[in-house]
Amino acid sequence: METQLLLVDSSIVPSVFLKVLKAKRLLSKGVVKSSSDACKAVGISRSAFYKYKDGIFSYEDQSASKTVTLYLRLSDEPGILSSVLSALYQFHANILTVNQNIPIDGVADVTVTIRIDAQQTDGKLLLECLKKMNGVIECKRV
């Protein structure tokens, strides 16, 4: 049988499905150590958890957020990359990846992939802020 994925409002699904999602979240965040502990925490049987765990996933609405990759050329000085990451934090960016090449001639190429709330964060303002930072030689969106 071919797999068919459905998007269903959580208010109409059996509560066990929501509890399985909550148990999976507790496990992935390390709040509980075992599936048995997760099941106890949310109030479902282990058999229900194992029956549904591989078939139930949470839908993350990405419409309000966007993923952006930035290319930066940074001076090879202590604290420059840390300052850039702090600035991204100030703009409420969720940092997904950071890749830095070995510096050549005192300059390091860095790519940073972030997720930002498109309604909360002005991407152009973020770029302008980064470009003005001490030690940032170049900054552009890829």
N, C-alpha and C. Protein backbone atom coordinates (compact mmCIF):
# COMPACT_ATOMS: atom_id res chain seq x y z
N MET A 1 0.84 -1.18 0.00
CA MET A 1 0.00 0.00 0.00
C MET A 1 0.88 1.25 0.00
N GLU A 2 0.55 2.21 -0.80
CA GLU A 2 1.31 3.46 -0.91
C GLU A 2 1.01 4.35 0.30
N THR A 3 2.07 4.97 0.83
CA THR A 3 1.91 5.86 1.97
C THR A 3 1.23 7.14 1.53
N GLN A 4 0.25 7.57 2.30
CA GLN A 4 -0.44 8.82 2.02
C GLN A 4 -0.35 9.68 3.27
N LEU A 5 0.21 10.87 3.14
CA LEU A 5 0.33 11.78 4.26
C LEU A 5 -0.86 12.71 4.30
N LEU A 6 -1.35 12.99 5.50
CA LEU A 6 -2.50 13.85 5.68
C LEU A 6 -2.14 14.98 6.64
N LEU A 7 -2.70 16.12 6.43
CA LEU A 7 -2.57 17.23 7.36
C LEU A 7 -3.93 17.40 8.00
N VAL A 8 -3.99 17.15 9.32
CA VAL A 8 -5.27 17.12 10.03
C VAL A 8 -5.19 18.05 11.23
N ASP A 9 -6.25 18.81 11.47
CA ASP A 9 -6.31 19.69 12.63
C ASP A 9 -6.25 18.84 13.90
N SER A 10 -5.37 19.23 14.82
CA SER A 10 -5.17 18.44 16.04
C SER A 10 -6.41 18.36 16.92
N SER A 11 -7.36 19.26 16.73
CA SER A 11 -8.56 19.23 17.57
C SER A 11 -9.49 18.06 17.24
N ILE A 12 -9.27 17.38 16.11
CA ILE A 12 -10.17 16.29 15.75
C ILE A 12 -9.52 14.91 15.81
N VAL A 13 -8.24 14.85 16.18
CA VAL A 13 -7.58 13.54 16.26
C VAL A 13 -7.70 12.99 17.67
N PRO A 14 -7.62 11.69 17.81
CA PRO A 14 -7.66 11.09 19.15
C PRO A 14 -6.52 11.63 20.02
N SER A 15 -6.79 11.81 21.29
CA SER A 15 -5.80 12.40 22.20
C SER A 15 -4.53 11.57 22.28
N VAL A 16 -4.60 10.28 22.00
CA VAL A 16 -3.40 9.44 22.06
C VAL A 16 -2.36 9.91 21.05
N PHE A 17 -2.81 10.42 19.90
CA PHE A 17 -1.86 10.91 18.90
C PHE A 17 -1.07 12.11 19.44
N LEU A 18 -1.78 13.01 20.08
CA LEU A 18 -1.12 14.19 20.64
C LEU A 18 -0.17 13.80 21.77
N LYS A 19 -0.55 12.80 22.54
CA LYS A 19 0.31 12.34 23.63
C LYS A 19 1.56 11.65 23.09
N VAL A 20 1.43 10.94 21.97
CA VAL A 20 2.60 10.33 21.34
C VAL A 20 3.56 11.42 20.87
N LEU A 21 3.03 12.49 20.27
CA LEU A 21 3.87 13.61 19.85
C LEU A 21 4.60 14.24 21.04
N LYS A 22 3.87 14.40 22.13
CA LYS A 22 4.46 14.99 23.33
C LYS A 22 5.55 14.08 23.90
N ALA A 23 5.30 12.79 23.90
CA ALA A 23 6.30 11.83 24.39
C ALA A 23 7.55 11.87 23.51
N LYS A 24 7.37 11.93 22.20
CA LYS A 24 8.51 12.01 21.29
C LYS A 24 9.32 13.28 21.53
N ARG A 25 8.63 14.38 21.79
CA ARG A 25 9.30 15.65 22.06
C ARG A 25 10.10 15.57 23.36
N LEU A 26 9.53 14.96 24.40
CA LEU A 26 10.23 14.79 25.68
C LEU A 26 11.50 13.97 25.49
N LEU A 27 11.42 12.94 24.68
CA LEU A 27 12.59 12.10 24.41
C LEU A 27 13.66 12.85 23.63
N SER A 28 13.24 13.55 22.58
CA SER A 28 14.22 14.23 21.74
C SER A 28 14.92 15.37 22.46
N LYS A 29 14.24 16.00 23.40
CA LYS A 29 14.85 17.10 24.16
C LYS A 29 15.61 16.61 25.39
N GLY A 30 15.56 15.32 25.66
CA GLY A 30 16.30 14.76 26.78
C GLY A 30 15.65 15.01 28.13
N VAL A 31 14.38 15.39 28.14
CA VAL A 31 13.68 15.62 29.39
C VAL A 31 13.48 14.31 30.14
N VAL A 32 13.26 13.23 29.39
CA VAL A 32 13.13 11.89 29.96
C VAL A 32 14.20 11.00 29.33
N LYS A 33 14.54 9.93 30.01
CA LYS A 33 15.64 9.07 29.54
C LYS A 33 15.18 7.90 28.68
N SER A 34 13.92 7.50 28.82
CA SER A 34 13.47 6.32 28.09
C SER A 34 12.04 6.52 27.58
N SER A 35 11.66 5.67 26.64
CA SER A 35 10.29 5.74 26.13
C SER A 35 9.30 5.38 27.23
N SER A 36 9.70 4.51 28.12
CA SER A 36 8.84 4.15 29.24
C SER A 36 8.56 5.37 30.12
N ASP A 37 9.62 6.16 30.39
CA ASP A 37 9.45 7.38 31.19
C ASP A 37 8.58 8.39 30.45
N ALA A 38 8.77 8.49 29.14
CA ALA A 38 7.98 9.42 28.34
C ALA A 38 6.51 9.04 28.37
N CYS A 39 6.24 7.76 28.24
CA CYS A 39 4.86 7.28 28.26
C CYS A 39 4.19 7.56 29.60
N LYS A 40 4.93 7.33 30.69
CA LYS A 40 4.40 7.64 32.02
C LYS A 40 4.11 9.12 32.16
N ALA A 41 5.02 9.96 31.64
CA ALA A 41 4.88 11.41 31.78
C ALA A 41 3.65 11.95 31.06
N VAL A 42 3.29 11.34 29.93
CA VAL A 42 2.15 11.86 29.16
C VAL A 42 0.88 11.04 29.36
N GLY A 43 1.00 9.90 30.02
CA GLY A 43 -0.18 9.11 30.35
C GLY A 43 -0.68 8.20 29.25
N ILE A 44 0.25 7.53 28.55
CA ILE A 44 -0.15 6.54 27.55
C ILE A 44 0.61 5.24 27.79
N SER A 45 0.12 4.17 27.20
CA SER A 45 0.81 2.88 27.32
C SER A 45 1.98 2.83 26.35
N ARG A 46 2.96 2.01 26.69
CA ARG A 46 4.10 1.84 25.79
C ARG A 46 3.66 1.24 24.47
N SER A 47 2.68 0.34 24.52
CA SER A 47 2.22 -0.28 23.27
C SER A 47 1.60 0.76 22.34
N ALA A 48 0.85 1.72 22.89
CA ALA A 48 0.27 2.79 22.06
C ALA A 48 1.39 3.66 21.48
N PHE A 49 2.39 3.95 22.29
CA PHE A 49 3.51 4.76 21.83
C PHE A 49 4.21 4.09 20.66
N TYR A 50 4.55 2.81 20.82
CA TYR A 50 5.27 2.09 19.77
C TYR A 50 4.41 1.86 18.53
N LYS A 51 3.12 1.76 18.73
CA LYS A 51 2.21 1.56 17.60
C LYS A 51 2.20 2.78 16.68
N TYR A 52 2.26 3.99 17.28
CA TYR A 52 2.08 5.21 16.50
C TYR A 52 3.34 6.06 16.30
N LYS A 53 4.40 5.79 17.04
CA LYS A 53 5.55 6.71 17.06
C LYS A 53 6.19 6.95 15.69
N ASP A 54 6.21 5.97 14.84
CA ASP A 54 6.85 6.13 13.53
C ASP A 54 5.91 6.69 12.46
N GLY A 55 4.66 6.90 12.82
CA GLY A 55 3.70 7.38 11.83
C GLY A 55 3.09 8.73 12.13
N ILE A 56 3.46 9.31 13.29
CA ILE A 56 2.88 10.60 13.68
C ILE A 56 4.00 11.62 13.80
N PHE A 57 3.82 12.72 13.08
CA PHE A 57 4.82 13.79 13.09
C PHE A 57 4.12 15.13 13.25
N SER A 58 4.80 16.04 13.87
CA SER A 58 4.25 17.37 14.05
C SER A 58 4.55 18.21 12.82
N TYR A 59 3.58 18.96 12.38
CA TYR A 59 3.76 19.87 11.24
C TYR A 59 4.26 21.20 11.78
N GLU A 60 5.40 21.63 11.30
CA GLU A 60 5.97 22.91 11.70
C GLU A 60 5.65 23.91 10.61
N ASP A 61 4.80 24.88 10.91
CA ASP A 61 4.42 25.89 9.93
C ASP A 61 5.61 26.81 9.67
N GLN A 62 6.15 26.72 8.47
CA GLN A 62 7.32 27.51 8.10
C GLN A 62 6.95 28.80 7.39
N SER A 63 5.66 29.08 7.24
CA SER A 63 5.26 30.25 6.47
C SER A 63 5.70 31.56 7.11
N ALA A 64 5.80 31.59 8.42
CA ALA A 64 6.19 32.82 9.10
C ALA A 64 7.70 32.95 9.21
N SER A 65 8.42 31.88 8.93
CA SER A 65 9.87 31.95 9.05
C SER A 65 10.52 31.61 7.71
N LYS A 66 11.77 32.04 7.58
CA LYS A 66 12.49 31.68 6.38
C LYS A 66 13.92 31.34 6.74
N THR A 67 14.49 30.46 5.93
CA THR A 67 15.86 30.03 6.13
C THR A 67 16.75 30.84 5.20
N VAL A 68 17.82 31.37 5.77
CA VAL A 68 18.72 32.26 5.04
C VAL A 68 20.15 31.78 5.27
N THR A 69 20.95 31.76 4.20
CA THR A 69 22.37 31.46 4.33
C THR A 69 23.16 32.73 4.07
N LEU A 70 24.06 33.04 4.99
CA LEU A 70 24.91 34.22 4.89
C LEU A 70 26.34 33.80 4.63
N TYR A 71 26.99 34.55 3.77
CA TYR A 71 28.42 34.36 3.51
C TYR A 71 29.13 35.56 4.12
N LEU A 72 30.13 35.28 4.96
CA LEU A 72 30.89 36.35 5.59
C LEU A 72 32.38 36.12 5.41
N ARG A 73 33.11 37.21 5.25
CA ARG A 73 34.57 37.17 5.29
C ARG A 73 34.95 37.93 6.54
N LEU A 74 35.62 37.22 7.46
CA LEU A 74 35.92 37.79 8.76
C LEU A 74 37.42 37.89 8.98
N SER A 75 37.83 38.94 9.69
CA SER A 75 39.23 39.05 10.11
C SER A 75 39.53 37.91 11.08
N ASP A 76 40.72 37.36 10.95
CA ASP A 76 41.14 36.27 11.83
C ASP A 76 41.64 36.86 13.15
N GLU A 77 40.68 37.27 13.98
CA GLU A 77 40.98 37.84 15.29
C GLU A 77 40.06 37.20 16.31
N PRO A 78 40.54 37.03 17.54
CA PRO A 78 39.69 36.43 18.57
C PRO A 78 38.40 37.23 18.79
N GLY A 79 37.29 36.52 18.86
CA GLY A 79 36.01 37.14 19.20
C GLY A 79 35.17 37.65 18.05
N ILE A 80 35.71 37.69 16.84
CA ILE A 80 34.94 38.24 15.71
C ILE A 80 33.74 37.34 15.39
N LEU A 81 33.98 36.05 15.22
CA LEU A 81 32.87 35.14 14.93
C LEU A 81 31.87 35.13 16.08
N SER A 82 32.36 35.15 17.29
CA SER A 82 31.49 35.19 18.46
C SER A 82 30.61 36.44 18.44
N SER A 83 31.16 37.57 18.04
CA SER A 83 30.39 38.81 17.96
C SER A 83 29.29 38.70 16.90
N VAL A 84 29.62 38.08 15.78
CA VAL A 84 28.64 37.88 14.72
C VAL A 84 27.49 37.00 15.23
N LEU A 85 27.83 35.92 15.89
CA LEU A 85 26.80 35.01 16.41
C LEU A 85 25.95 35.71 17.47
N SER A 86 26.56 36.56 18.28
CA SER A 86 25.81 37.33 19.28
C SER A 86 24.84 38.30 18.59
N ALA A 87 25.29 38.92 17.51
CA ALA A 87 24.41 39.83 16.77
C ALA A 87 23.22 39.07 16.18
N LEU A 88 23.47 37.88 15.67
CA LEU A 88 22.38 37.07 15.14
C LEU A 88 21.38 36.73 16.24
N TYR A 89 21.90 36.45 17.41
CA TYR A 89 21.03 36.19 18.57
C TYR A 89 20.16 37.41 18.88
N GLN A 90 20.76 38.59 18.82
CA GLN A 90 20.02 39.83 19.09
C GLN A 90 18.87 40.04 18.09
N PHE A 91 19.04 39.51 16.88
CA PHE A 91 18.00 39.60 15.86
C PHE A 91 17.05 38.40 15.91
N HIS A 92 17.13 37.61 16.97
CA HIS A 92 16.25 36.45 17.18
C HIS A 92 16.40 35.39 16.09
N ALA A 93 17.61 35.26 15.56
CA ALA A 93 17.87 34.25 14.53
C ALA A 93 18.17 32.91 15.20
N ASN A 94 17.62 31.86 14.65
CA ASN A 94 17.92 30.51 15.11
C ASN A 94 19.06 30.00 14.21
N ILE A 95 20.23 29.79 14.79
CA ILE A 95 21.39 29.38 14.01
C ILE A 95 21.30 27.88 13.73
N LEU A 96 21.26 27.53 12.45
CA LEU A 96 21.15 26.13 12.04
C LEU A 96 22.51 25.51 11.76
N THR A 97 23.38 26.23 11.03
CA THR A 97 24.73 25.72 10.75
C THR A 97 25.73 26.87 10.77
N VAL A 98 26.97 26.54 11.12
CA VAL A 98 28.09 27.47 11.03
C VAL A 98 29.26 26.69 10.44
N ASN A 99 29.81 27.20 9.34
CA ASN A 99 30.96 26.57 8.71
C ASN A 99 32.03 27.63 8.51
N GLN A 100 33.21 27.37 9.06
CA GLN A 100 34.31 28.31 8.91
C GLN A 100 35.50 27.60 8.29
N ASN A 101 36.06 28.21 7.24
CA ASN A 101 37.27 27.68 6.63
C ASN A 101 38.48 28.14 7.42
N ILE A 102 39.57 27.46 7.23
CA ILE A 102 40.82 27.85 7.86
C ILE A 102 41.24 29.21 7.31
N PRO A 103 41.59 30.15 8.18
CA PRO A 103 41.96 31.49 7.71
C PRO A 103 43.19 31.47 6.79
N ILE A 104 43.12 32.28 5.75
CA ILE A 104 44.24 32.47 4.83
C ILE A 104 44.49 33.97 4.74
N ASP A 105 45.74 34.35 4.93
CA ASP A 105 46.12 35.76 4.90
C ASP A 105 45.31 36.60 5.89
N GLY A 106 45.00 36.03 7.04
CA GLY A 106 44.30 36.78 8.08
C GLY A 106 42.81 36.95 7.87
N VAL A 107 42.25 36.17 6.91
CA VAL A 107 40.81 36.28 6.61
C VAL A 107 40.20 34.88 6.58
N ALA A 108 39.05 34.73 7.23
CA ALA A 108 38.34 33.45 7.26
C ALA A 108 36.99 33.59 6.55
N ASP A 109 36.70 32.65 5.67
CA ASP A 109 35.38 32.59 5.02
C ASP A 109 34.46 31.78 5.92
N VAL A 110 33.26 32.33 6.15
CA VAL A 110 32.29 31.70 7.04
C VAL A 110 30.93 31.70 6.36
N THR A 111 30.23 30.58 6.43
CA THR A 111 28.83 30.56 6.04
C THR A 111 28.01 30.20 7.27
N VAL A 112 26.92 30.91 7.43
CA VAL A 112 26.01 30.70 8.55
C VAL A 112 24.61 30.56 7.98
N THR A 113 23.95 29.48 8.31
CA THR A 113 22.56 29.31 7.90
C THR A 113 21.69 29.55 9.12
N ILE A 114 20.71 30.43 8.96
CA ILE A 114 19.84 30.82 10.07
C ILE A 114 18.38 30.69 9.67
N ARG A 115 17.53 30.62 10.66
CA ARG A 115 16.09 30.69 10.44
C ARG A 115 15.62 31.94 11.18
N ILE A 116 14.93 32.80 10.46
CA ILE A 116 14.41 34.01 11.07
C ILE A 116 12.91 34.11 10.88
N ASP A 117 12.26 34.76 11.81
CA ASP A 117 10.84 35.05 11.69
C ASP A 117 10.71 36.23 10.75
N ALA A 118 10.15 36.00 9.59
CA ALA A 118 10.08 37.04 8.56
C ALA A 118 9.29 38.26 9.01
N GLN A 119 8.36 38.09 9.93
CA GLN A 119 7.56 39.21 10.40
C GLN A 119 8.24 39.96 11.53
N GLN A 120 9.14 39.29 12.25
CA GLN A 120 9.79 39.90 13.41
C GLN A 120 11.16 40.48 13.05
N THR A 121 11.85 39.90 12.07
CA THR A 121 13.21 40.30 11.76
C THR A 121 13.30 40.87 10.35
N ASP A 122 13.88 42.06 10.26
CA ASP A 122 14.12 42.70 8.97
C ASP A 122 15.46 42.18 8.45
N GLY A 123 15.42 41.36 7.41
CA GLY A 123 16.63 40.76 6.86
C GLY A 123 17.63 41.78 6.35
N LYS A 124 17.14 42.85 5.73
CA LYS A 124 18.04 43.88 5.22
C LYS A 124 18.74 44.61 6.36
N LEU A 125 18.01 44.88 7.41
CA LEU A 125 18.59 45.55 8.57
C LEU A 125 19.64 44.65 9.23
N LEU A 126 19.36 43.36 9.28
CA LEU A 126 20.32 42.40 9.83
C LEU A 126 21.62 42.43 9.03
N LEU A 127 21.53 42.37 7.71
CA LEU A 127 22.72 42.42 6.86
C LEU A 127 23.50 43.71 7.06
N GLU A 128 22.81 44.83 7.11
CA GLU A 128 23.48 46.12 7.31
C GLU A 128 24.20 46.17 8.65
N CYS A 129 23.58 45.63 9.67
CA CYS A 129 24.20 45.59 11.00
C CYS A 129 25.47 44.75 10.97
N LEU A 130 25.40 43.59 10.34
CA LEU A 130 26.56 42.71 10.27
C LEU A 130 27.70 43.36 9.47
N LYS A 131 27.36 44.03 8.39
CA LYS A 131 28.38 44.67 7.54
C LYS A 131 29.15 45.75 8.30
N LYS A 132 28.49 46.38 9.26
CA LYS A 132 29.11 47.49 10.01
C LYS A 132 29.94 47.00 11.20
N MET A 133 29.88 45.72 11.50
CA MET A 133 30.58 45.20 12.68
C MET A 133 32.10 45.19 12.47
N ASN A 134 32.80 45.44 13.56
CA ASN A 134 34.26 45.38 13.56
C ASN A 134 34.70 43.96 13.19
N GLY A 135 35.58 43.84 12.23
CA GLY A 135 36.12 42.55 11.83
C GLY A 135 35.38 41.86 10.70
N VAL A 136 34.22 42.41 10.32
CA VAL A 136 33.47 41.86 9.20
C VAL A 136 33.92 42.59 7.93
N ILE A 137 34.56 41.85 7.05
CA ILE A 137 35.08 42.43 5.82
C ILE A 137 33.99 42.44 4.75
N GLU A 138 33.23 41.37 4.70
CA GLU A 138 32.17 41.25 3.70
C GLU A 138 31.05 40.43 4.28
N CYS A 139 29.83 40.76 3.90
CA CYS A 139 28.66 40.00 4.34
C CYS A 139 27.61 40.08 3.26
N LYS A 140 27.14 38.91 2.81
CA LYS A 140 26.07 38.91 1.81
C LYS A 140 25.22 37.67 1.97
N ARG A 141 24.02 37.78 1.48
CA ARG A 141 23.09 36.66 1.49
C ARG A 141 23.37 35.78 0.30
N VAL A 142 23.43 34.48 0.51
CA VAL A 142 23.69 33.55 -0.57
C VAL A 142 22.39 33.11 -1.20
